[in-house]
Structure formats: structure tokens, C-alpha cells
PDB file of N, CA and C in Angstrom:
ATOM      1  N   MET A   1      59.212 151.157  69.758  1.00  0.00           N
ATOM      2  CA  MET A   1      57.854 151.433  70.117  1.00  0.00           C
ATOM      3  C   MET A   1      57.682 152.910  70.299  1.00  0.00           C
ATOM      4  N   ASN A   2      56.565 153.363  69.904  1.00  0.00           N
ATOM      5  CA  ASN A   2      56.201 154.741  70.129  1.00  0.00           C
ATOM      6  C   ASN A   2      55.175 154.730  71.255  1.00  0.00           C
ATOM      7  N   ALA A   3      55.596 155.190  72.438  1.00  0.00           N
ATOM      8  CA  ALA A   3      54.748 155.098  73.631  1.00  0.00           C
ATOM      9  C   ALA A   3      53.418 155.805  73.441  1.00  0.00           C
ATOM     10  N   ILE A   4      53.430 156.973  72.831  1.00  0.00           N
ATOM     11  CA  ILE A   4      52.183 157.725  72.637  1.00  0.00           C
ATOM     12  C   ILE A   4      51.251 156.947  71.703  1.00  0.00           C
ATOM     13  N   ARG A   5      51.784 156.445  70.605  1.00  0.00           N
ATOM     14  CA  ARG A   5      50.948 155.680  69.667  1.00  0.00           C
ATOM     15  C   ARG A   5      50.350 154.456  70.364  1.00  0.00           C
ATOM     16  N   GLU A   6      51.170 153.756  71.137  1.00  0.00           N
ATOM     17  CA  GLU A   6      50.675 152.570  71.829  1.00  0.00           C
ATOM     18  C   GLU A   6      49.586 152.924  72.826  1.00  0.00           C
ATOM     19  N   LEU A   7      49.798 154.013  73.561  1.00  0.00           N
ATOM     20  CA  LEU A   7      48.774 154.439  74.509  1.00  0.00           C
ATOM     21  C   LEU A   7      47.488 154.818  73.770  1.00  0.00           C
ATOM     22  N   ARG A   8      47.626 155.541  72.674  1.00  0.00           N
ATOM     23  CA  ARG A   8      46.443 155.957  71.899  1.00  0.00           C
ATOM     24  C   ARG A   8      45.717 154.746  71.337  1.00  0.00           C
ATOM     25  N   LYS A   9      46.460 153.769  70.842  1.00  0.00           N
ATOM     26  CA  LYS A   9      45.836 152.582  70.251  1.00  0.00           C
ATOM     27  C   LYS A   9      44.978 151.831  71.261  1.00  0.00           C
ATOM     28  N   THR A  10      45.366 151.867  72.526  1.00  0.00           N
ATOM     29  CA  THR A  10      44.561 151.173  73.540  1.00  0.00           C
ATOM     30  C   THR A  10      43.189 151.792  73.682  1.00  0.00           C
ATOM     31  N   THR A  11      43.048 153.048  73.279  1.00  0.00           N
ATOM     32  CA  THR A  11      41.759 153.741  73.395  1.00  0.00           C
ATOM     33  C   THR A  11      40.917 153.611  72.138  1.00  0.00           C
ATOM     34  N   ASN A  12      41.523 153.136  71.039  1.00  0.00           N
ATOM     35  CA  ASN A  12      40.861 153.092  69.731  1.00  0.00           C
ATOM     36  C   ASN A  12      40.406 154.475  69.275  1.00  0.00           C
ATOM     37  N   MET A  13      41.138 155.501  69.700  1.00  0.00           N
ATOM     38  CA  MET A  13      40.814 156.873  69.312  1.00  0.00           C
ATOM     39  C   MET A  13      41.681 157.314  68.143  1.00  0.00           C
ATOM     40  N   SER A  14      41.145 158.217  67.338  1.00  0.00           N
ATOM     41  CA  SER A  14      41.948 158.863  66.300  1.00  0.00           C
ATOM     42  C   SER A  14      42.929 159.812  66.986  1.00  0.00           C
ATOM     43  N   GLN A  15      43.901 160.282  66.232  1.00  0.00           N
ATOM     44  CA  GLN A  15      44.837 161.254  66.805  1.00  0.00           C
ATOM     45  C   GLN A  15      44.096 162.497  67.277  1.00  0.00           C
ATOM     46  N   SER A  16      43.141 162.936  66.483  1.00  0.00           N
ATOM     47  CA  SER A  16      42.379 164.142  66.820  1.00  0.00           C
ATOM     48  C   SER A  16      41.580 163.948  68.109  1.00  0.00           C
ATOM     49  N   ARG A  17      40.899 162.832  68.201  1.00  0.00           N
ATOM     50  CA  ARG A  17      40.092 162.580  69.401  1.00  0.00           C
ATOM     51  C   ARG A  17      40.979 162.390  70.630  1.00  0.00           C
ATOM     52  N   PHE A  18      42.122 161.712  70.453  1.00  0.00           N
ATOM     53  CA  PHE A  18      43.054 161.500  71.565  1.00  0.00           C
ATOM     54  C   PHE A  18      43.585 162.843  72.063  1.00  0.00           C
ATOM     55  N   ALA A  19      43.921 163.740  71.118  1.00  0.00           N
ATOM     56  CA  ALA A  19      44.403 165.075  71.497  1.00  0.00           C
ATOM     57  C   ALA A  19      43.333 165.825  72.285  1.00  0.00           C
ATOM     58  N   THR A  20      42.086 165.721  71.839  1.00  0.00           N
ATOM     59  CA  THR A  20      40.983 166.376  72.551  1.00  0.00           C
ATOM     60  C   THR A  20      40.820 165.775  73.942  1.00  0.00           C
ATOM     61  N   TYR A  21      40.909 164.459  74.032  1.00  0.00           N
ATOM     62  CA  TYR A  21      40.813 163.758  75.317  1.00  0.00           C
ATOM     63  C   TYR A  21      41.860 164.269  76.299  1.00  0.00           C
ATOM     64  N   LEU A  22      43.075 164.508  75.774  1.00  0.00           N
ATOM     65  CA  LEU A  22      44.174 164.964  76.632  1.00  0.00           C
ATOM     66  C   LEU A  22      44.226 166.482  76.778  1.00  0.00           C
ATOM     67  N   GLY A  23      43.501 167.192  75.914  1.00  0.00           N
ATOM     68  CA  GLY A  23      43.510 168.651  75.973  1.00  0.00           C
ATOM     69  C   GLY A  23      44.789 169.263  75.432  1.00  0.00           C
ATOM     70  N   ILE A  24      45.360 168.623  74.410  1.00  0.00           N
ATOM     71  CA  ILE A  24      46.586 169.146  73.803  1.00  0.00           C
ATOM     72  C   ILE A  24      46.385 169.255  72.292  1.00  0.00           C
ATOM     73  N   PRO A  25      47.213 170.029  71.605  1.00  0.00           N
ATOM     74  CA  PRO A  25      47.067 170.151  70.147  1.00  0.00           C
ATOM     75  C   PRO A  25      47.321 168.819  69.441  1.00  0.00           C
ATOM     76  N   VAL A  26      46.516 168.553  68.405  1.00  0.00           N
ATOM     77  CA  VAL A  26      46.677 167.319  67.630  1.00  0.00           C
ATOM     78  C   VAL A  26      48.059 167.266  66.978  1.00  0.00           C
ATOM     79  N   ALA A  27      48.636 168.417  66.662  1.00  0.00           N
ATOM     80  CA  ALA A  27      49.978 168.459  66.067  1.00  0.00           C
ATOM     81  C   ALA A  27      51.001 167.801  66.987  1.00  0.00           C
ATOM     82  N   ASN A  28      50.841 167.957  68.291  1.00  0.00           N
ATOM     83  CA  ASN A  28      51.766 167.303  69.236  1.00  0.00           C
ATOM     84  C   ASN A  28      51.693 165.792  69.093  1.00  0.00           C
ATOM     85  N   ILE A  29      50.475 165.259  69.058  1.00  0.00           N
ATOM     86  CA  ILE A  29      50.296 163.818  68.905  1.00  0.00           C
ATOM     87  C   ILE A  29      50.929 163.362  67.594  1.00  0.00           C
ATOM     88  N   GLN A  30      50.654 164.085  66.513  1.00  0.00           N
ATOM     89  CA  GLN A  30      51.191 163.725  65.196  1.00  0.00           C
ATOM     90  C   GLN A  30      52.716 163.735  65.205  1.00  0.00           C
ATOM     91  N   HIS A  31      53.305 164.764  65.760  1.00  0.00           N
ATOM     92  CA  HIS A  31      54.773 164.871  65.791  1.00  0.00           C
ATOM     93  C   HIS A  31      55.392 163.762  66.640  1.00  0.00           C
ATOM     94  N   TRP A  32      54.782 163.459  67.769  1.00  0.00           N
ATOM     95  CA  TRP A  32      55.315 162.399  68.629  1.00  0.00           C
ATOM     96  C   TRP A  32      55.230 161.054  67.942  1.00  0.00           C
ATOM     97  N   GLU A  33      54.093 160.784  67.302  1.00  0.00           N
ATOM     98  CA  GLU A  33      53.920 159.484  66.648  1.00  0.00           C
ATOM     99  C   GLU A  33      54.788 159.344  65.409  1.00  0.00           C
ATOM    100  N   GLN A  34      55.069 160.439  64.730  1.00  0.00           N
ATOM    101  CA  GLN A  34      55.904 160.399  63.528  1.00  0.00           C
ATOM    102  C   GLN A  34      57.390 160.445  63.860  1.00  0.00           C
ATOM    103  N   GLY A  35      57.723 160.669  65.120  1.00  0.00           N
ATOM    104  CA  GLY A  35      59.119 160.743  65.520  1.00  0.00           C
ATOM    105  C   GLY A  35      59.768 162.085  65.235  1.00  0.00           C
ATOM    106  N   VAL A  36      58.960 163.093  64.899  1.00  0.00           N
ATOM    107  CA  VAL A  36      59.481 164.440  64.654  1.00  0.00           C
ATOM    108  C   VAL A  36      60.040 165.004  65.950  1.00  0.00           C
ATOM    109  N   SER A  37      59.338 164.727  67.034  1.00  0.00           N
ATOM    110  CA  SER A  37      59.789 165.129  68.361  1.00  0.00           C
ATOM    111  C   SER A  37      59.351 164.051  69.341  1.00  0.00           C
ATOM    112  N   SER A  38      59.863 164.124  70.549  1.00  0.00           N
ATOM    113  CA  SER A  38      59.503 163.152  71.585  1.00  0.00           C
ATOM    114  C   SER A  38      58.958 163.882  72.795  1.00  0.00           C
ATOM    115  N   PRO A  39      57.896 163.358  73.363  1.00  0.00           N
ATOM    116  CA  PRO A  39      57.390 163.984  74.585  1.00  0.00           C
ATOM    117  C   PRO A  39      58.332 163.671  75.738  1.00  0.00           C
ATOM    118  N   PRO A  40      58.408 164.552  76.710  1.00  0.00           N
ATOM    119  CA  PRO A  40      59.235 164.232  77.882  1.00  0.00           C
ATOM    120  C   PRO A  40      58.671 163.005  78.604  1.00  0.00           C
ATOM    121  N   ASN A  41      59.532 162.253  79.237  1.00  0.00           N
ATOM    122  CA  ASN A  41      59.100 161.037  79.941  1.00  0.00           C
ATOM    123  C   ASN A  41      58.006 161.317  80.960  1.00  0.00           C
ATOM    124  N   TYR A  42      58.110 162.450  81.667  1.00  0.00           N
ATOM    125  CA  TYR A  42      57.100 162.733  82.687  1.00  0.00           C
ATOM    126  C   TYR A  42      55.725 162.886  82.056  1.00  0.00           C
ATOM    127  N   LEU A  43      55.657 163.395  80.831  1.00  0.00           N
ATOM    128  CA  LEU A  43      54.379 163.583  80.165  1.00  0.00           C
ATOM    129  C   LEU A  43      53.775 162.237  79.762  1.00  0.00           C
ATOM    130  N   VAL A  44      54.589 161.339  79.238  1.00  0.00           N
ATOM    131  CA  VAL A  44      54.095 160.009  78.884  1.00  0.00           C
ATOM    132  C   VAL A  44      53.603 159.311  80.146  1.00  0.00           C
ATOM    133  N   SER A  45      54.341 159.448  81.219  1.00  0.00           N
ATOM    134  CA  SER A  45      53.938 158.850  82.488  1.00  0.00           C
ATOM    135  C   SER A  45      52.620 159.450  82.974  1.00  0.00           C
ATOM    136  N   LEU A  46      52.470 160.757  82.850  1.00  0.00           N
ATOM    137  CA  LEU A  46      51.243 161.432  83.264  1.00  0.00           C
ATOM    138  C   LEU A  46      50.065 160.970  82.407  1.00  0.00           C
ATOM    139  N   ILE A  47      50.271 160.878  81.096  1.00  0.00           N
ATOM    140  CA  ILE A  47      49.211 160.414  80.196  1.00  0.00           C
ATOM    141  C   ILE A  47      48.799 158.992  80.563  1.00  0.00           C
ATOM    142  N   SER A  48      49.787 158.124  80.815  1.00  0.00           N
ATOM    143  CA  SER A  48      49.444 156.748  81.159  1.00  0.00           C
ATOM    144  C   SER A  48      48.720 156.690  82.510  1.00  0.00           C
ATOM    145  N   ARG A  49      49.063 157.580  83.427  1.00  0.00           N
ATOM    146  CA  ARG A  49      48.373 157.627  84.727  1.00  0.00           C
ATOM    147  C   ARG A  49      46.906 158.010  84.536  1.00  0.00           C
ATOM    148  N   VAL A  50      46.668 159.001  83.686  1.00  0.00           N
ATOM    149  CA  VAL A  50      45.294 159.432  83.393  1.00  0.00           C
ATOM    150  C   VAL A  50      44.527 158.295  82.731  1.00  0.00           C
ATOM    151  N   MET A  51      45.175 157.627  81.765  1.00  0.00           N
ATOM    152  CA  MET A  51      44.515 156.541  81.056  1.00  0.00           C
ATOM    153  C   MET A  51      44.209 155.365  81.986  1.00  0.00           C
ATOM    154  N   ARG A  52      45.082 155.126  82.924  1.00  0.00           N
ATOM    155  CA  ARG A  52      44.827 154.063  83.905  1.00  0.00           C
ATOM    156  C   ARG A  52      43.634 154.437  84.769  1.00  0.00           C
ATOM    157  N   SER A  53      43.602 155.678  85.214  1.00  0.00           N
ATOM    158  CA  SER A  53      42.504 156.173  86.027  1.00  0.00           C
ATOM    159  C   SER A  53      41.171 156.082  85.286  1.00  0.00           C
ATOM    160  N   ASP A  54      41.203 156.338  83.982  1.00  0.00           N
ATOM    161  CA  ASP A  54      39.987 156.289  83.167  1.00  0.00           C
ATOM    162  C   ASP A  54      39.644 154.877  82.691  1.00  0.00           C
ATOM    163  N   GLY A  55      40.473 153.887  83.046  1.00  0.00           N
ATOM    164  CA  GLY A  55      40.177 152.504  82.732  1.00  0.00           C
ATOM    165  C   GLY A  55      40.651 152.016  81.376  1.00  0.00           C
ATOM    166  N   TYR A  56      41.464 152.807  80.667  1.00  0.00           N
ATOM    167  CA  TYR A  56      41.953 152.380  79.349  1.00  0.00           C
ATOM    168  C   TYR A  56      43.092 151.372  79.450  1.00  0.00           C
ATOM    169  N   ILE A  57      43.929 151.506  80.462  1.00  0.00           N
ATOM    170  CA  ILE A  57      45.052 150.592  80.636  1.00  0.00           C
ATOM    171  C   ILE A  57      45.078 150.105  82.079  1.00  0.00           C
ATOM    172  N   GLN A  58      45.719 148.965  82.288  1.00  0.00           N
ATOM    173  CA  GLN A  58      45.766 148.382  83.629  1.00  0.00           C
ATOM    174  C   GLN A  58      46.924 148.917  84.454  1.00  0.00           C
ATOM    175  N   ASN A  59      48.073 149.135  83.797  1.00  0.00           N
ATOM    176  CA  ASN A  59      49.268 149.595  84.516  1.00  0.00           C
ATOM    177  C   ASN A  59      49.844 150.806  83.820  1.00  0.00           C
ATOM    178  N   GLU A  60      50.138 151.826  84.590  1.00  0.00           N
ATOM    179  CA  GLU A  60      50.770 152.996  83.981  1.00  0.00           C
ATOM    180  C   GLU A  60      52.253 152.738  83.778  1.00  0.00           C
ATOM    181  N   LEU A  61      52.836 153.418  82.795  1.00  0.00           N
ATOM    182  CA  LEU A  61      54.265 153.274  82.510  1.00  0.00           C
ATOM    183  C   LEU A  61      55.052 154.273  83.347  1.00  0.00           C
ATOM    184  N   ARG A  62      56.095 153.785  83.990  1.00  0.00           N
ATOM    185  CA  ARG A  62      56.986 154.664  84.738  1.00  0.00           C
ATOM    186  C   ARG A  62      58.065 155.183  83.790  1.00  0.00           C
ATOM    187  N   PRO A  63      58.684 156.328  84.108  1.00  0.00           N
ATOM    188  CA  PRO A  63      59.725 156.869  83.222  1.00  0.00           C
ATOM    189  C   PRO A  63      60.820 155.881  82.881  1.00  0.00           C
ATOM    190  N   GLU A  64      61.253 155.058  83.830  1.00  0.00           N
ATOM    191  CA  GLU A  64      62.315 154.089  83.537  1.00  0.00           C
ATOM    192  C   GLU A  64      61.818 153.009  82.572  1.00  0.00           C
ATOM    193  N   GLN A  65      60.533 152.674  82.623  1.00  0.00           N
ATOM    194  CA  GLN A  65      59.978 151.723  81.670  1.00  0.00           C
ATOM    195  C   GLN A  65      59.940 152.328  80.266  1.00  0.00           C
ATOM    196  N   ILE A  66      59.581 153.589  80.191  1.00  0.00           N
ATOM    197  CA  ILE A  66      59.550 154.287  78.904  1.00  0.00           C
ATOM    198  C   ILE A  66      60.957 154.331  78.313  1.00  0.00           C
ATOM    199  N   ASP A  67      61.955 154.618  79.152  1.00  0.00           N
ATOM    200  CA  ASP A  67      63.349 154.616  78.687  1.00  0.00           C
ATOM    201  C   ASP A  67      63.751 153.233  78.174  1.00  0.00           C
ATOM    202  N   ALA A  68      63.351 152.194  78.889  1.00  0.00           N
ATOM    203  CA  ALA A  68      63.697 150.836  78.471  1.00  0.00           C
ATOM    204  C   ALA A  68      63.039 150.495  77.140  1.00  0.00           C
ATOM    205  N   ILE A  69      61.799 150.921  76.949  1.00  0.00           N
ATOM    206  CA  ILE A  69      61.106 150.692  75.681  1.00  0.00           C
ATOM    207  C   ILE A  69      61.850 151.393  74.553  1.00  0.00           C
ATOM    208  N   ARG A  70      62.222 152.639  74.761  1.00  0.00           N
ATOM    209  CA  ARG A  70      62.942 153.399  73.736  1.00  0.00           C
ATOM    210  C   ARG A  70      64.293 152.754  73.427  1.00  0.00           C
ATOM    211  N   GLN A  71      64.962 152.260  74.453  1.00  0.00           N
ATOM    212  CA  GLN A  71      66.262 151.603  74.258  1.00  0.00           C
ATOM    213  C   GLN A  71      66.113 150.332  73.422  1.00  0.00           C
ATOM    214  N   MET A  72      65.079 149.547  73.718  1.00  0.00           N
ATOM    215  CA  MET A  72      64.850 148.325  72.951  1.00  0.00           C
ATOM    216  C   MET A  72      64.514 148.654  71.500  1.00  0.00           C
ATOM    217  N   GLN A  73      63.721 149.701  71.293  1.00  0.00           N
ATOM    218  CA  GLN A  73      63.391 150.120  69.934  1.00  0.00           C
ATOM    219  C   GLN A  73      64.648 150.494  69.169  1.00  0.00           C
ATOM    220  N   ALA A  74      65.523 151.250  69.814  1.00  0.00           N
ATOM    221  CA  ALA A  74      66.751 151.685  69.154  1.00  0.00           C
ATOM    222  C   ALA A  74      67.633 150.491  68.803  1.00  0.00           C
ATOM    223  N   THR A  75      67.746 149.545  69.714  1.00  0.00           N
ATOM    224  CA  THR A  75      68.545 148.352  69.458  1.00  0.00           C
ATOM    225  C   THR A  75      67.988 147.567  68.288  1.00  0.00           C
ATOM    226  N   LEU A  76      66.679 147.387  68.262  1.00  0.00           N
ATOM    227  CA  LEU A  76      66.058 146.641  67.171  1.00  0.00           C
ATOM    228  C   LEU A  76      66.204 147.375  65.849  1.00  0.00           C
ATOM    229  N   ALA A  77      66.129 148.696  65.869  1.00  0.00           N
ATOM    230  CA  ALA A  77      66.300 149.481  64.641  1.00  0.00           C
ATOM    231  C   ALA A  77      67.727 149.333  64.119  1.00  0.00           C
ATOM    232  N   ILE A  78      68.702 149.319  65.019  1.00  0.00           N
ATOM    233  CA  ILE A  78      70.094 149.145  64.622  1.00  0.00           C
ATOM    234  C   ILE A  78      70.274 147.782  63.961  1.00  0.00           C
ATOM    235  N   GLU A  79      69.577 146.784  64.490  1.00  0.00           N
ATOM    236  CA  GLU A  79      69.663 145.444  63.923  1.00  0.00           C
ATOM    237  C   GLU A  79      68.802 145.322  62.663  1.00  0.00           C
ATOM    238  N   ASP A  80      68.177 146.416  62.272  1.00  0.00           N
ATOM    239  CA  ASP A  80      67.382 146.500  61.048  1.00  0.00           C
ATOM    240  C   ASP A  80      66.202 145.538  61.054  1.00  0.00           C
ATOM    241  N   LEU A  81      65.597 145.360  62.222  1.00  0.00           N
ATOM    242  CA  LEU A  81      64.413 144.524  62.309  1.00  0.00           C
ATOM    243  C   LEU A  81      63.173 145.392  62.141  1.00  0.00           C
ATOM    244  N   LEU A  82      62.290 144.982  61.276  1.00  0.00           N
ATOM    245  CA  LEU A  82      61.032 145.666  61.095  1.00  0.00           C
ATOM    246  C   LEU A  82      59.982 144.911  61.895  1.00  0.00           C
ATOM    247  N   LEU A  83      59.385 145.573  62.856  1.00  0.00           N
ATOM    248  CA  LEU A  83      58.450 144.897  63.742  1.00  0.00           C
ATOM    249  C   LEU A  83      57.014 145.228  63.388  1.00  0.00           C
ATOM    250  N   SER A  84      56.148 144.261  63.583  1.00  0.00           N
ATOM    251  CA  SER A  84      54.718 144.489  63.421  1.00  0.00           C
ATOM    252  C   SER A  84      54.218 145.237  64.657  1.00  0.00           C
ATOM    253  N   ASP A  85      52.999 145.731  64.590  1.00  0.00           N
ATOM    254  CA  ASP A  85      52.424 146.429  65.739  1.00  0.00           C
ATOM    255  C   ASP A  85      52.346 145.528  66.960  1.00  0.00           C
ATOM    256  N   SER A  86      52.001 144.261  66.755  1.00  0.00           N
ATOM    257  CA  SER A  86      51.906 143.353  67.907  1.00  0.00           C
ATOM    258  C   SER A  86      53.288 143.093  68.514  1.00  0.00           C
ATOM    259  N   GLU A  87      54.317 143.031  67.665  1.00  0.00           N
ATOM    260  CA  GLU A  87      55.673 142.839  68.185  1.00  0.00           C
ATOM    261  C   GLU A  87      56.144 144.074  68.941  1.00  0.00           C
ATOM    262  N   ILE A  88      55.764 145.245  68.462  1.00  0.00           N
ATOM    263  CA  ILE A  88      56.105 146.475  69.166  1.00  0.00           C
ATOM    264  C   ILE A  88      55.406 146.501  70.520  1.00  0.00           C
ATOM    265  N   SER A  89      54.163 146.069  70.569  1.00  0.00           N
ATOM    266  CA  SER A  89      53.444 145.987  71.843  1.00  0.00           C
ATOM    267  C   SER A  89      54.141 145.023  72.796  1.00  0.00           C
ATOM    268  N   GLY A  90      54.783 144.010  72.221  1.00  0.00           N
ATOM    269  CA  GLY A  90      55.516 143.049  73.036  1.00  0.00           C
ATOM    270  C   GLY A  90      56.652 143.680  73.814  1.00  0.00           C
ATOM    271  N   ILE A  91      57.230 144.741  73.262  1.00  0.00           N
ATOM    272  CA  ILE A  91      58.294 145.450  73.984  1.00  0.00           C
ATOM    273  C   ILE A  91      57.741 146.003  75.285  1.00  0.00           C
ATOM    274  N   ALA A  92      56.577 146.617  75.215  1.00  0.00           N
ATOM    275  CA  ALA A  92      55.954 147.160  76.429  1.00  0.00           C
ATOM    276  C   ALA A  92      55.640 146.039  77.413  1.00  0.00           C
ATOM    277  N   ASP A  93      55.235 144.873  76.894  1.00  0.00           N
ATOM    278  CA  ASP A  93      54.948 143.732  77.768  1.00  0.00           C
ATOM    279  C   ASP A  93      56.190 143.281  78.519  1.00  0.00           C
ATOM    280  N   VAL A  94      57.343 143.329  77.854  1.00  0.00           N
ATOM    281  CA  VAL A  94      58.604 142.965  78.508  1.00  0.00           C
ATOM    282  C   VAL A  94      58.911 143.972  79.613  1.00  0.00           C
ATOM    283  N   VAL A  95      58.798 145.237  79.290  1.00  0.00           N
ATOM    284  CA  VAL A  95      59.154 146.288  80.242  1.00  0.00           C
ATOM    285  C   VAL A  95      58.232 146.280  81.452  1.00  0.00           C
ATOM    286  N   THR A  96      56.961 146.004  81.229  1.00  0.00           N
ATOM    287  CA  THR A  96      56.018 145.999  82.353  1.00  0.00           C
ATOM    288  C   THR A  96      55.984 144.655  83.087  1.00  0.00           C
ATOM    289  N   GLY A  97      56.746 143.674  82.560  1.00  0.00           N
ATOM    290  CA  GLY A  97      56.844 142.396  83.243  1.00  0.00           C
ATOM    291  C   GLY A  97      55.740 141.405  82.891  1.00  0.00           C
ATOM    292  N   THR A  98      54.946 141.702  81.863  1.00  0.00           N
ATOM    293  CA  THR A  98      53.885 140.792  81.448  1.00  0.00           C
ATOM    294  C   THR A  98      54.470 139.505  80.867  1.00  0.00           C
ATOM    295  N   ILE A  99      55.557 139.640  80.090  1.00  0.00           N
ATOM    296  CA  ILE A  99      56.282 138.477  79.588  1.00  0.00           C
ATOM    297  C   ILE A  99      57.770 138.684  79.845  1.00  0.00           C
ATOM    298  N   SER A 100      58.507 137.607  79.825  1.00  0.00           N
ATOM    299  CA  SER A 100      59.951 137.726  80.056  1.00  0.00           C
ATOM    300  C   SER A 100      60.655 138.167  78.773  1.00  0.00           C
ATOM    301  N   ARG A 101      61.833 138.707  78.928  1.00  0.00           N
ATOM    302  CA  ARG A 101      62.638 139.111  77.773  1.00  0.00           C
ATOM    303  C   ARG A 101      62.940 137.891  76.895  1.00  0.00           C
ATOM    304  N   GLU A 102      63.206 136.775  77.537  1.00  0.00           N
ATOM    305  CA  GLU A 102      63.510 135.556  76.804  1.00  0.00           C
ATOM    306  C   GLU A 102      62.322 135.113  75.958  1.00  0.00           C
ATOM    307  N   GLU A 103      61.119 135.188  76.528  1.00  0.00           N
ATOM    308  CA  GLU A 103      59.909 134.812  75.790  1.00  0.00           C
ATOM    309  C   GLU A 103      59.689 135.750  74.602  1.00  0.00           C
ATOM    310  N   PHE A 104      59.913 137.027  74.813  1.00  0.00           N
ATOM    311  CA  PHE A 104      59.766 138.001  73.725  1.00  0.00           C
ATOM    312  C   PHE A 104      60.770 137.711  72.608  1.00  0.00           C
ATOM    313  N   GLN A 105      62.013 137.446  72.983  1.00  0.00           N
ATOM    314  CA  GLN A 105      63.034 137.150  71.984  1.00  0.00           C
ATOM    315  C   GLN A 105      62.706 135.864  71.225  1.00  0.00           C
ATOM    316  N   ARG A 106      62.187 134.867  71.930  1.00  0.00           N
ATOM    317  CA  ARG A 106      61.798 133.619  71.273  1.00  0.00           C
ATOM    318  C   ARG A 106      60.706 133.883  70.241  1.00  0.00           C
ATOM    319  N   LYS A 107      59.716 134.698  70.606  1.00  0.00           N
ATOM    320  CA  LYS A 107      58.629 135.026  69.676  1.00  0.00           C
ATOM    321  C   LYS A 107      59.154 135.793  68.468  1.00  0.00           C
ATOM    322  N   LEU A 108      60.093 136.710  68.702  1.00  0.00           N
ATOM    323  CA  LEU A 108      60.677 137.447  67.578  1.00  0.00           C
ATOM    324  C   LEU A 108      61.399 136.503  66.626  1.00  0.00           C
ATOM    325  N   LYS A 109      62.189 135.596  67.193  1.00  0.00           N
ATOM    326  CA  LYS A 109      62.937 134.651  66.362  1.00  0.00           C
ATOM    327  C   LYS A 109      62.008 133.769  65.540  1.00  0.00           C
ATOM    328  N   GLU A 110      60.882 133.408  66.117  1.00  0.00           N
ATOM    329  CA  GLU A 110      59.907 132.585  65.392  1.00  0.00           C
ATOM    330  C   GLU A 110      59.368 133.314  64.164  1.00  0.00           C
ATOM    331  N   ASN A 111      59.306 134.638  64.245  1.00  0.00           N
ATOM    332  CA  ASN A 111      58.744 135.433  63.148  1.00  0.00           C
ATOM    333  C   ASN A 111      59.754 135.799  62.073  1.00  0.00           C
ATOM    334  N   TYR A 112      61.007 135.423  62.272  1.00  0.00           N
ATOM    335  CA  TYR A 112      62.042 135.737  61.293  1.00  0.00           C
ATOM    336  C   TYR A 112      62.656 134.445  60.769  1.00  0.00           C
ATOM    337  N   SER A 113      62.842 134.386  59.482  1.00  0.00           N
ATOM    338  CA  SER A 113      63.477 133.206  58.899  1.00  0.00           C
ATOM    339  C   SER A 113      64.982 133.304  59.106  1.00  0.00           C
ATOM    340  N   ARG A 114      65.704 132.320  58.692  1.00  0.00           N
ATOM    341  CA  ARG A 114      67.141 132.292  58.912  1.00  0.00           C
ATOM    342  C   ARG A 114      67.875 133.403  58.170  1.00  0.00           C
ATOM    343  N   ASP A 115      67.320 133.874  57.057  1.00  0.00           N
ATOM    344  CA  ASP A 115      67.995 134.958  56.315  1.00  0.00           C
ATOM    345  C   ASP A 115      67.652 136.337  56.863  1.00  0.00           C
ATOM    346  N   GLY A 116      66.930 136.384  57.989  1.00  0.00           N
ATOM    347  CA  GLY A 116      66.648 137.655  58.642  1.00  0.00           C
ATOM    348  C   GLY A 116      65.433 138.386  58.118  1.00  0.00           C
ATOM    349  N   LYS A 117      64.658 137.741  57.275  1.00  0.00           N
ATOM    350  CA  LYS A 117      63.462 138.386  56.732  1.00  0.00           C
ATOM    351  C   LYS A 117      62.244 138.002  57.546  1.00  0.00           C
ATOM    352  N   HIS A 118      61.374 138.972  57.705  1.00  0.00           N
ATOM    353  CA  HIS A 118      60.140 138.782  58.462  1.00  0.00           C
ATOM    354  C   HIS A 118      59.230 137.815  57.724  1.00  0.00           C
ATOM    355  N   ARG A 119      58.655 136.882  58.454  1.00  0.00           N
ATOM    356  CA  ARG A 119      57.724 135.919  57.828  1.00  0.00           C
ATOM    357  C   ARG A 119      56.353 136.526  57.683  1.00  0.00           C
TER     358      ARG A 119
END
């Protein structure tokens, strides 16, 4: 999961508009979303705090949650799983406690056939 992309998607804003909303260069948003660079955890936490305050999200992400999301992404990438946007959002749901890890894994398994290909 890309935390910045997920946060931006909740606003339905373009990268340019999201950058303006946050008062940062659009290049930063582009680089973070493309994986060219990563924002520091405190910045993602600060952005989520602002977004929560503005009513875009219900719960802000704590740095340890962001780390857990990144760890799950890395594990899934190693296993060569290609996730849809909704499945990537599911990672955040696990970390924030919206769904259990077991429920998330069950949903992932349902979306993959026995030969490991996405349905």
C-alpha cells in the first residue's frame, strides 16, 4: 500500500489538488506515489491527522500502523501477489483494526485461484 495514495484517494483529489491542499510541491506527491521516495512516517501521520480534522478520514494513521502497512506490502510483493486497489485498502483496514488479519487473508485467498493467479 502506498499510504499517501490511499490518503489522497479518500479525498477524490488529483495529485495537483492534493499537493495544493497540503501546501507541498506536486512533485513530492508524485514521487511518493510512484515509490521514487518515501515520506517520513511523521509526515504521513501529520497528513492523516489534518485529513481527520478536515473530515476526510475517520481515524488517523499512527507511525507504527504505517510501518505495519509497509511491511505487509513488502511481504505481499515478495510473494508476487498483485493486489487490486480495494485489496490494498484492506491492508489499512487490518492495521487500523477494521477487519482481522484472518478475514483479510481469507478475502485474498478467495480472489486467487489455486495456481496463484488473480481472479
